[in-house]
């Protein structure tokens, strides 16, 4: 039985996918790991905030 996903569910899933993509490209073995991570934090925060709009009651 397949159900139709709501627009909110789709948006949250998209945010999670983008977060996974960002996190997966960060590697502790890279010399620039801390700097790369620091640069991605604002984007990750933005994605979390967007998800929060749809999931917090």
N, C-alpha and C. Protein backbone atom coordinates (compact mmCIF):
# COMPACT_ATOMS: atom_id res chain seq x y z
N UNK A 1 0.84 -1.18 0.00
CA UNK A 1 0.00 0.00 0.00
C UNK A 1 0.89 1.25 0.00
N UNK A 2 0.82 2.03 -1.06
CA UNK A 2 1.61 3.25 -1.17
C UNK A 2 0.78 4.43 -0.75
N UNK A 3 1.37 5.29 0.02
CA UNK A 3 0.65 6.50 0.42
C UNK A 3 1.27 7.71 -0.24
N UNK A 4 0.50 8.72 -0.39
CA UNK A 4 0.95 9.97 -0.98
C UNK A 4 1.66 10.77 0.12
N UNK A 5 2.85 11.28 -0.17
CA UNK A 5 3.57 12.09 0.79
C UNK A 5 3.06 13.52 0.73
N UNK A 6 2.99 14.15 1.89
CA UNK A 6 2.57 15.55 1.93
C UNK A 6 3.72 16.43 1.45
N UNK A 7 3.40 17.66 1.12
CA UNK A 7 4.43 18.61 0.68
C UNK A 7 5.45 18.83 1.79
N UNK A 8 4.97 18.90 3.03
CA UNK A 8 5.87 19.09 4.17
C UNK A 8 6.84 17.91 4.32
N UNK A 9 6.32 16.70 4.18
CA UNK A 9 7.18 15.52 4.28
C UNK A 9 8.25 15.53 3.18
N UNK A 10 7.86 15.90 2.00
CA UNK A 10 8.80 15.96 0.89
C UNK A 10 9.88 17.02 1.13
N UNK A 11 9.48 18.17 1.65
CA UNK A 11 10.45 19.23 1.94
C UNK A 11 11.43 18.80 3.02
N UNK A 12 10.93 18.16 4.07
CA UNK A 12 11.81 17.68 5.14
C UNK A 12 12.76 16.61 4.61
N UNK A 13 12.26 15.71 3.79
CA UNK A 13 13.10 14.67 3.21
C UNK A 13 14.19 15.29 2.33
N UNK A 14 13.85 16.33 1.58
CA UNK A 14 14.84 17.03 0.76
C UNK A 14 15.92 17.67 1.62
N UNK A 15 15.52 18.27 2.74
CA UNK A 15 16.48 18.87 3.66
C UNK A 15 17.42 17.80 4.22
N UNK A 16 16.87 16.67 4.60
CA UNK A 16 17.69 15.58 5.13
C UNK A 16 18.68 15.07 4.09
N UNK A 17 18.22 14.95 2.85
CA UNK A 17 19.11 14.50 1.77
C UNK A 17 20.26 15.48 1.58
N UNK A 18 19.95 16.77 1.62
CA UNK A 18 20.99 17.78 1.44
C UNK A 18 21.97 17.75 2.62
N UNK A 19 21.46 17.55 3.83
CA UNK A 19 22.33 17.45 4.99
C UNK A 19 23.25 16.23 4.87
N UNK A 20 22.70 15.12 4.43
CA UNK A 20 23.52 13.91 4.24
C UNK A 20 24.61 14.16 3.22
N UNK A 21 24.27 14.84 2.13
CA UNK A 21 25.25 15.13 1.08
C UNK A 21 26.40 15.97 1.66
N UNK A 22 26.05 17.00 2.41
CA UNK A 22 27.06 17.87 3.00
C UNK A 22 27.94 17.08 3.97
N UNK A 23 27.33 16.34 4.86
CA UNK A 23 28.07 15.58 5.87
C UNK A 23 28.96 14.53 5.22
N UNK A 24 28.47 13.88 4.20
CA UNK A 24 29.25 12.84 3.53
C UNK A 24 30.48 13.37 2.80
N UNK A 25 30.49 14.65 2.47
CA UNK A 25 31.66 15.20 1.78
C UNK A 25 32.73 15.69 2.75
N UNK A 26 32.41 15.72 4.04
CA UNK A 26 33.39 16.14 5.05
C UNK A 26 34.16 14.92 5.55
N UNK A 27 35.46 14.97 5.42
CA UNK A 27 36.30 13.83 5.81
C UNK A 27 37.37 14.29 6.79
N UNK A 28 37.43 13.64 7.93
CA UNK A 28 38.40 14.02 8.96
C UNK A 28 39.84 13.87 8.46
N UNK A 29 40.06 13.06 7.47
CA UNK A 29 41.41 12.87 6.96
C UNK A 29 41.88 14.03 6.08
N UNK A 30 40.96 14.91 5.68
CA UNK A 30 41.34 16.08 4.89
C UNK A 30 42.00 17.12 5.79
N UNK A 31 43.06 17.74 5.32
CA UNK A 31 43.73 18.77 6.11
C UNK A 31 42.81 19.95 6.40
N UNK A 32 41.86 20.19 5.52
CA UNK A 32 40.95 21.32 5.67
C UNK A 32 39.64 20.93 6.37
N UNK A 33 39.63 19.80 7.05
CA UNK A 33 38.40 19.28 7.67
C UNK A 33 37.70 20.31 8.55
N UNK A 34 38.43 20.91 9.49
CA UNK A 34 37.79 21.87 10.40
C UNK A 34 37.29 23.09 9.66
N UNK A 35 38.06 23.60 8.74
CA UNK A 35 37.64 24.77 7.96
C UNK A 35 36.44 24.43 7.08
N UNK A 36 36.49 23.30 6.42
CA UNK A 36 35.36 22.87 5.59
C UNK A 36 34.09 22.72 6.42
N UNK A 37 34.25 22.12 7.59
CA UNK A 37 33.10 21.94 8.49
C UNK A 37 32.56 23.29 8.93
N UNK A 38 33.46 24.17 9.32
CA UNK A 38 33.06 25.51 9.76
C UNK A 38 32.27 26.23 8.66
N UNK A 39 32.69 26.07 7.44
CA UNK A 39 32.01 26.72 6.32
C UNK A 39 30.62 26.13 6.07
N UNK A 40 30.43 24.87 6.36
CA UNK A 40 29.14 24.22 6.10
C UNK A 40 28.13 24.40 7.24
N UNK A 41 28.58 24.80 8.42
CA UNK A 41 27.68 24.92 9.57
C UNK A 41 26.51 25.88 9.28
N UNK A 42 26.72 27.05 8.71
CA UNK A 42 25.56 27.92 8.44
C UNK A 42 24.52 27.26 7.53
N UNK A 43 24.98 26.53 6.53
CA UNK A 43 24.05 25.86 5.62
C UNK A 43 23.29 24.75 6.35
N UNK A 44 24.00 24.00 7.19
CA UNK A 44 23.34 22.95 7.98
C UNK A 44 22.33 23.55 8.94
N UNK A 45 22.67 24.67 9.57
CA UNK A 45 21.73 25.35 10.48
C UNK A 45 20.48 25.80 9.74
N UNK A 46 20.69 26.33 8.53
CA UNK A 46 19.55 26.79 7.72
C UNK A 46 18.62 25.62 7.39
N UNK A 47 19.21 24.48 7.03
CA UNK A 47 18.41 23.30 6.72
C UNK A 47 17.67 22.81 7.95
N UNK A 48 18.32 22.82 9.10
CA UNK A 48 17.66 22.41 10.35
C UNK A 48 16.49 23.34 10.69
N UNK A 49 16.71 24.63 10.51
CA UNK A 49 15.63 25.60 10.78
C UNK A 49 14.44 25.37 9.86
N UNK A 50 14.74 25.09 8.61
CA UNK A 50 13.67 24.84 7.65
C UNK A 50 12.89 23.58 8.04
N UNK A 51 13.62 22.54 8.44
CA UNK A 51 12.96 21.31 8.88
C UNK A 51 12.11 21.56 10.12
N UNK A 52 12.62 22.37 11.01
CA UNK A 52 11.92 22.67 12.25
C UNK A 52 10.55 23.31 11.99
N UNK A 53 10.50 24.15 10.96
CA UNK A 53 9.22 24.81 10.61
C UNK A 53 8.13 23.80 10.31
N UNK A 54 8.51 22.68 9.74
CA UNK A 54 7.53 21.68 9.30
C UNK A 54 7.30 20.57 10.32
N UNK A 55 8.19 20.45 11.30
CA UNK A 55 8.08 19.29 12.19
C UNK A 55 7.74 19.65 13.63
N UNK A 56 7.95 20.88 14.04
CA UNK A 56 7.66 21.28 15.43
C UNK A 56 6.27 21.85 15.49
N UNK A 57 5.53 21.37 16.45
CA UNK A 57 4.14 21.84 16.59
C UNK A 57 4.05 23.02 17.52
